[in-house]
Amino acid sequence: MTTAFITHRDCWLHDMGAHHPECPERLSAISDRLIAAGLDMYLSFYDAPLATLEQIERVHPPEYVRGIAESAPQSGIVHLDPDTAMSAGTLQAALRSAGAGILATDLVMNGEVENAFCSVRPPGHHAERAKAMGFCFFNNIAIAATHALEVHGLERVAVVDFDVHHGNGTEDIFSDDPRVLMVSTFQHPFYPYSGTDAPAANMINVPVPAGTRSEGFRDAVTKAWLPALRQFAPEAIFISAGFDAHYEDDMASLGLVEADYAWVTQQIKAVAAESAQDRIVSMLEGGYALSALARSVTTHVKILADL
């Protein structure tokens, strides 16, 4: 079986203004690098569908979803907070991003592909149940994981988040949900300044200090993540794949490199092989140094595809 690569041109239409780090060029850099590396011929490409209200409202209250839709401008840019803004193309892009996770889950669960990577924006892991923040509007990974639970009938799913920022939105949505185990590493203290205040038992949060490099990251994964994941035995694994912990990314202060993303992807694949029938859905979160992002995603996808 192959690896699915899911994106949509609508995801380029979301624009939060000149010089904003979460820019359309992120997706172009990824696509260009995949082609340059010759990976495109080994992947199955899909256009992301639009997520339905029913799919989004499994995670977000209807009044919140309605508020996001009503905030979308016809032109110009409207700020929901200092970092998070909507343009005329944002709502469509956000629906495609959430829809990508739904399609990825269906493809993986139906056995059409072994795993999937969603190259989409806006990202999602900071979107809380009823709050947009941190460049995020709908929590894409939570929507996908909930689809696996409620539509495909899984009893246990894991969310793995290696973005440099804590996935506060995903934790807000799944805290104390016994069907979900979330494991994450994140720079701390750092935006959104969460994840360390008595997290629920199903949250394996590993804050790491600025300056942490490969050894510290791999130690956290080996000692905290992997035992918890193996004990939980997830039936599918969902990855919030943020690449802003890369040492070239000046939005943060960690020091990971492509080899670390290859290694952690291999570890996740090993767990998926043990309990999840190899089922992995990975969705793009952060990563703002374009060359480092493109190289890191290519490395991640290469490991997913066993290349």
Protein backbone atom coordinates (compact mmCIF):
# COMPACT_ATOMS: atom_id res chain seq x y z
CA MET A 1 0.00 0.00 0.00
CA THR A 2 1.04 3.57 -0.58
CA THR A 3 1.12 6.79 1.38
CA ALA A 4 -1.54 9.38 0.59
CA PHE A 5 -0.54 13.03 0.18
CA ILE A 6 -3.56 15.28 0.63
CA THR A 7 -3.74 19.00 -0.08
CA HIS A 8 -5.87 21.52 -1.98
CA ARG A 9 -5.20 24.77 -3.81
CA ASP A 10 -7.78 26.48 -1.58
CA CYS A 11 -5.27 26.15 1.27
CA TRP A 12 -3.09 28.69 -0.53
CA LEU A 13 -5.91 31.28 -0.41
CA HIS A 14 -5.76 31.81 3.35
CA ASP A 15 -3.75 35.01 3.85
CA MET A 16 -3.07 36.64 7.21
CA GLY A 17 -1.15 39.57 5.74
CA ALA A 18 2.29 40.48 4.47
CA HIS A 19 5.20 39.07 6.45
CA HIS A 20 3.01 36.73 8.52
CA PRO A 21 5.04 33.54 9.13
CA GLU A 22 2.05 31.25 8.50
CA CYS A 23 2.05 32.00 4.79
CA PRO A 24 0.94 30.23 1.59
CA GLU A 25 4.57 29.77 0.55
CA ARG A 26 4.87 27.06 3.21
CA LEU A 27 2.83 24.67 1.09
CA SER A 28 4.66 25.63 -2.11
CA ALA A 29 8.00 24.91 -0.48
CA ILE A 30 6.81 21.47 0.61
CA SER A 31 5.42 20.55 -2.81
CA ASP A 32 8.51 21.77 -4.63
CA ARG A 33 10.83 19.82 -2.34
CA LEU A 34 8.83 16.60 -2.67
CA ILE A 35 9.09 16.85 -6.45
CA ALA A 36 12.78 17.72 -6.35
CA ALA A 37 13.40 14.69 -4.13
CA GLY A 38 11.54 12.45 -6.57
CA LEU A 39 8.96 11.36 -3.99
CA ASP A 40 5.92 12.42 -5.98
CA MET A 41 5.96 9.27 -8.13
CA TYR A 42 5.68 7.07 -5.02
CA LEU A 43 2.72 8.84 -3.38
CA SER A 44 -1.02 8.80 -4.00
CA PHE A 45 -2.27 12.38 -4.36
CA TYR A 46 -5.73 13.49 -3.28
CA ASP A 47 -7.60 16.79 -3.19
CA ALA A 48 -8.94 17.63 0.26
CA PRO A 49 -12.75 17.80 0.39
CA LEU A 50 -14.68 20.41 2.34
CA ALA A 51 -15.44 19.24 5.87
CA THR A 52 -19.13 19.26 6.69
CA LEU A 53 -20.69 21.08 9.63
CA GLU A 54 -21.58 17.72 11.16
CA GLN A 55 -17.94 16.62 11.07
CA ILE A 56 -16.64 19.87 12.59
CA GLU A 57 -19.38 20.05 15.22
CA ARG A 58 -18.33 16.72 16.71
CA VAL A 59 -15.46 18.79 18.16
CA HIS A 60 -16.57 22.44 18.12
CA PRO A 61 -19.94 23.81 19.34
CA PRO A 62 -22.32 24.95 16.56
CA GLU A 63 -22.31 28.53 17.85
CA TYR A 64 -18.52 28.64 17.63
CA VAL A 65 -18.50 27.27 14.07
CA ARG A 66 -21.19 29.77 13.12
CA GLY A 67 -19.15 32.59 14.64
CA ILE A 68 -16.08 31.65 12.60
CA ALA A 69 -18.17 31.60 9.41
CA GLU A 70 -19.73 34.97 10.23
CA SER A 71 -16.30 36.50 10.94
CA ALA A 72 -15.03 35.71 7.44
CA PRO A 73 -14.59 38.97 5.50
CA GLN A 74 -15.54 39.50 1.86
CA SER A 75 -12.27 41.37 1.41
CA GLY A 76 -9.35 42.54 3.51
CA ILE A 77 -8.26 40.95 6.77
CA VAL A 78 -10.14 40.60 10.07
CA HIS A 79 -8.15 39.76 13.22
CA LEU A 80 -9.61 37.33 15.75
CA ASP A 81 -6.57 37.88 17.98
CA PRO A 82 -3.22 39.62 17.38
CA ASP A 83 -1.76 36.49 15.73
CA THR A 84 -4.82 34.98 14.04
CA ALA A 85 -6.62 36.63 11.15
CA MET A 86 -9.12 35.77 8.45
CA SER A 87 -9.07 36.80 4.80
CA ALA A 88 -11.67 36.14 2.11
CA GLY A 89 -10.09 32.72 1.47
CA THR A 90 -9.69 31.61 5.08
CA LEU A 91 -12.99 29.85 5.69
CA GLN A 92 -12.69 27.74 2.55
CA ALA A 93 -9.08 26.87 3.43
CA ALA A 94 -10.05 25.92 6.98
CA LEU A 95 -12.85 23.67 5.72
CA ARG A 96 -10.42 21.99 3.30
CA SER A 97 -7.85 21.50 6.07
CA ALA A 98 -10.38 19.81 8.32
CA GLY A 99 -11.70 17.85 5.35
CA ALA A 100 -8.20 16.58 4.56
CA GLY A 101 -8.06 14.87 7.94
CA ILE A 102 -11.48 13.31 7.37
CA LEU A 103 -10.43 11.95 3.95
CA ALA A 104 -7.10 10.73 5.33
CA THR A 105 -8.88 8.87 8.10
CA ASP A 106 -11.31 7.26 5.67
CA LEU A 107 -8.52 6.19 3.32
CA VAL A 108 -6.46 4.68 6.13
CA MET A 109 -9.39 3.04 7.89
CA ASN A 110 -10.71 1.56 4.64
CA GLY A 111 -7.31 0.07 3.86
CA GLU A 112 -6.85 2.08 0.66
CA VAL A 113 -3.53 3.47 1.91
CA GLU A 114 -1.30 2.57 4.83
CA ASN A 115 -0.90 6.14 6.06
CA ALA A 116 -1.46 9.72 4.95
CA PHE A 117 0.13 13.15 5.20
CA CYS A 118 -2.05 16.26 4.94
CA SER A 119 -0.18 19.28 3.61
CA VAL A 120 -2.75 21.87 4.63
CA ARG A 121 -3.19 25.23 6.22
CA PRO A 122 -4.44 26.82 8.41
CA PRO A 123 -3.07 24.49 11.09
CA GLY A 124 -5.27 23.36 13.96
CA HIS A 125 -3.73 22.22 17.23
CA HIS A 126 -4.13 25.55 19.07
CA ALA A 127 -7.87 25.76 18.29
CA GLU A 128 -9.70 24.98 21.49
CA ARG A 129 -13.24 23.70 21.64
CA ALA A 130 -14.64 27.24 21.41
CA LYS A 131 -11.65 29.51 20.77
CA ALA A 132 -9.54 30.32 17.71
CA MET A 133 -5.92 31.19 18.47
CA GLY A 134 -2.33 30.60 17.45
CA PHE A 135 -3.01 30.73 13.68
CA CYS A 136 -5.72 28.03 14.13
CA PHE A 137 -9.50 28.04 13.58
CA PHE A 138 -10.69 24.41 13.55
CA ASN A 139 -8.76 21.65 15.31
CA ASN A 140 -7.97 19.48 12.30
CA ILE A 141 -6.30 16.63 14.17
CA ALA A 142 -9.07 16.42 16.77
CA ILE A 143 -11.71 16.39 14.03
CA ALA A 144 -9.90 13.54 12.26
CA ALA A 145 -9.36 11.52 15.44
CA THR A 146 -12.99 11.97 16.48
CA HIS A 147 -14.09 10.81 13.02
CA ALA A 148 -12.13 7.59 13.57
CA LEU A 149 -13.81 7.07 16.93
CA GLU A 150 -17.37 7.95 16.06
CA VAL A 151 -17.68 6.90 12.41
CA HIS A 152 -15.19 4.06 12.12
CA GLY A 153 -15.90 2.69 15.59
CA LEU A 154 -12.40 2.67 17.04
CA GLU A 155 -12.10 2.43 20.81
CA ARG A 156 -8.60 3.91 21.27
CA VAL A 157 -6.66 6.49 19.27
CA ALA A 158 -3.43 8.30 20.04
CA VAL A 159 -2.46 11.86 19.14
CA VAL A 160 1.28 12.51 18.83
CA ASP A 161 2.31 16.17 18.76
CA PHE A 162 5.94 17.16 18.15
CA ASP A 163 5.29 20.81 17.27
CA VAL A 164 7.47 23.24 19.21
CA HIS A 165 4.32 24.74 20.80
CA HIS A 166 2.02 22.88 23.16
CA GLY A 167 -1.15 21.66 21.46
CA ASN A 168 -3.42 23.37 23.96
CA GLY A 169 -6.47 23.07 21.74
CA THR A 170 -6.14 19.32 21.32
CA GLU A 171 -5.65 18.95 25.07
CA ASP A 172 -8.71 21.13 25.74
CA ILE A 173 -10.82 18.91 23.49
CA PHE A 174 -9.58 15.49 24.64
CA SER A 175 -8.64 16.03 28.29
CA ASP A 176 -10.00 13.13 30.40
CA ASP A 177 -11.36 11.32 27.32
CA PRO A 178 -10.38 7.67 27.97
CA ARG A 179 -10.56 6.89 24.25
CA VAL A 180 -7.67 9.23 23.48
CA LEU A 181 -4.04 9.30 24.60
CA MET A 182 -2.09 12.42 23.70
CA VAL A 183 1.71 12.51 23.90
CA SER A 184 3.62 15.69 23.18
CA THR A 185 6.86 17.57 23.54
CA PHE A 186 7.05 21.35 23.47
CA GLN A 187 9.35 24.21 24.40
CA HIS A 188 8.52 25.64 27.83
CA PRO A 189 8.07 28.34 28.96
CA PHE A 190 6.77 29.40 25.55
CA TYR A 191 3.52 30.19 23.75
CA PRO A 192 0.77 29.25 24.57
CA TYR A 193 2.17 28.87 28.12
CA SER A 194 0.14 25.75 28.86
CA GLY A 195 0.52 22.01 29.25
CA THR A 196 2.24 21.95 32.64
CA ASP A 197 -0.57 22.73 35.08
CA ALA A 198 -1.80 19.32 36.30
CA PRO A 199 -2.67 17.76 32.94
CA ALA A 200 -5.20 14.93 32.85
CA ALA A 201 -4.02 11.34 33.08
CA ASN A 202 -4.45 10.80 29.33
CA MET A 203 -2.08 13.69 28.55
CA ILE A 204 1.63 12.78 28.45
CA ASN A 205 3.12 16.27 28.20
CA VAL A 206 6.90 16.64 28.15
CA PRO A 207 7.98 20.29 28.36
CA VAL A 208 11.60 20.89 27.34
CA PRO A 209 13.69 24.03 27.86
CA ALA A 210 14.94 26.36 25.14
CA GLY A 211 18.13 25.02 23.63
CA THR A 212 17.05 21.37 23.77
CA ARG A 213 18.53 19.41 20.90
CA SER A 214 18.39 15.89 19.56
CA GLU A 215 19.45 14.03 22.70
CA GLY A 216 16.87 15.71 24.94
CA PHE A 217 14.06 15.23 22.43
CA ARG A 218 14.85 11.58 21.82
CA ASP A 219 15.16 10.95 25.54
CA ALA A 220 11.67 12.39 26.12
CA VAL A 221 10.19 10.23 23.37
CA THR A 222 11.95 7.08 24.54
CA LYS A 223 11.22 7.44 28.25
CA ALA A 224 7.78 9.12 28.27
CA TRP A 225 6.00 8.65 24.96
CA LEU A 226 6.81 5.12 23.88
CA PRO A 227 5.94 3.27 27.11
CA ALA A 228 2.63 5.15 27.36
CA LEU A 229 1.76 4.50 23.73
CA ARG A 230 2.55 0.81 23.97
CA GLN A 231 0.55 0.40 27.16
CA PHE A 232 -2.42 2.22 25.58
CA ALA A 233 -2.19 0.19 22.33
CA PRO A 234 -3.91 2.69 20.01
CA GLU A 235 -5.89 1.41 17.04
CA ALA A 236 -4.81 4.41 14.95
CA ILE A 237 -2.26 7.19 15.45
CA PHE A 238 -2.80 10.85 14.53
CA ILE A 239 0.25 13.12 14.26
CA SER A 240 0.23 16.88 14.77
CA ALA A 241 3.34 17.29 12.66
CA GLY A 242 4.87 20.64 13.45
CA PHE A 243 8.43 21.23 12.23
CA ASP A 244 9.14 24.51 14.05
CA ALA A 245 11.43 22.80 16.57
CA HIS A 246 14.02 22.72 13.75
CA TYR A 247 17.21 24.57 14.61
CA GLU A 248 16.84 26.83 11.56
CA ASP A 249 13.37 28.02 12.66
CA ASP A 250 13.83 31.32 14.47
CA MET A 251 10.21 31.36 15.70
CA ALA A 252 11.42 29.14 18.56
CA SER A 253 14.60 27.98 20.28
CA LEU A 254 14.93 24.21 19.96
CA GLY A 255 17.55 22.43 17.88
CA LEU A 256 16.08 19.49 16.02
CA VAL A 257 17.23 18.45 12.54
CA GLU A 258 15.82 16.26 9.77
CA ALA A 259 17.36 13.13 11.30
CA ASP A 260 15.29 13.69 14.45
CA TYR A 261 12.06 13.87 12.44
CA ALA A 262 13.06 10.69 10.61
CA TRP A 263 13.77 8.95 13.90
CA VAL A 264 10.55 9.97 15.65
CA THR A 265 8.53 8.97 12.59
CA GLN A 266 10.19 5.55 12.71
CA GLN A 267 9.28 5.21 16.39
CA ILE A 268 5.65 6.12 15.69
CA LYS A 269 5.51 3.67 12.80
CA ALA A 270 6.83 0.90 15.05
CA VAL A 271 4.01 1.48 17.56
CA ALA A 272 1.46 1.65 14.74
CA ALA A 273 2.70 -1.69 13.44
CA GLU A 274 2.21 -3.30 16.85
CA SER A 275 -1.35 -2.25 17.65
CA ALA A 276 -2.80 -0.02 14.92
CA GLN A 277 -2.45 -2.10 11.74
CA ASP A 278 0.05 0.55 10.55
CA ARG A 279 -2.69 3.21 10.47
CA ILE A 280 -1.25 6.75 10.73
CA VAL A 281 -2.75 10.11 9.77
CA SER A 282 -0.25 12.98 9.90
CA MET A 283 -1.29 16.62 9.56
CA LEU A 284 0.90 19.69 9.10
CA GLU A 285 1.00 22.11 12.01
CA GLY A 286 3.88 24.58 12.42
CA GLY A 287 7.19 25.14 10.64
CA TYR A 288 8.10 28.59 9.33
CA ALA A 289 11.67 28.44 7.99
CA LEU A 290 10.70 27.43 4.47
CA SER A 291 13.75 25.39 3.49
CA ALA A 292 13.92 23.57 6.84
CA LEU A 293 10.17 22.94 6.73
CA ALA A 294 10.32 21.49 3.22
CA ARG A 295 13.30 19.27 4.02
CA SER A 296 11.74 18.06 7.28
CA VAL A 297 8.36 17.25 5.73
CA THR A 298 10.08 15.40 2.89
CA THR A 299 12.03 13.36 5.43
CA HIS A 300 8.85 12.62 7.41
CA VAL A 301 6.91 11.56 4.32
CA LYS A 302 9.81 9.46 3.06
CA ILE A 303 9.77 7.44 6.30
CA LEU A 304 5.97 7.14 6.23
CA ALA A 305 6.24 5.73 2.70
CA ASP A 306 9.10 3.33 3.57
CA LEU A 307 11.37 4.97 1.03
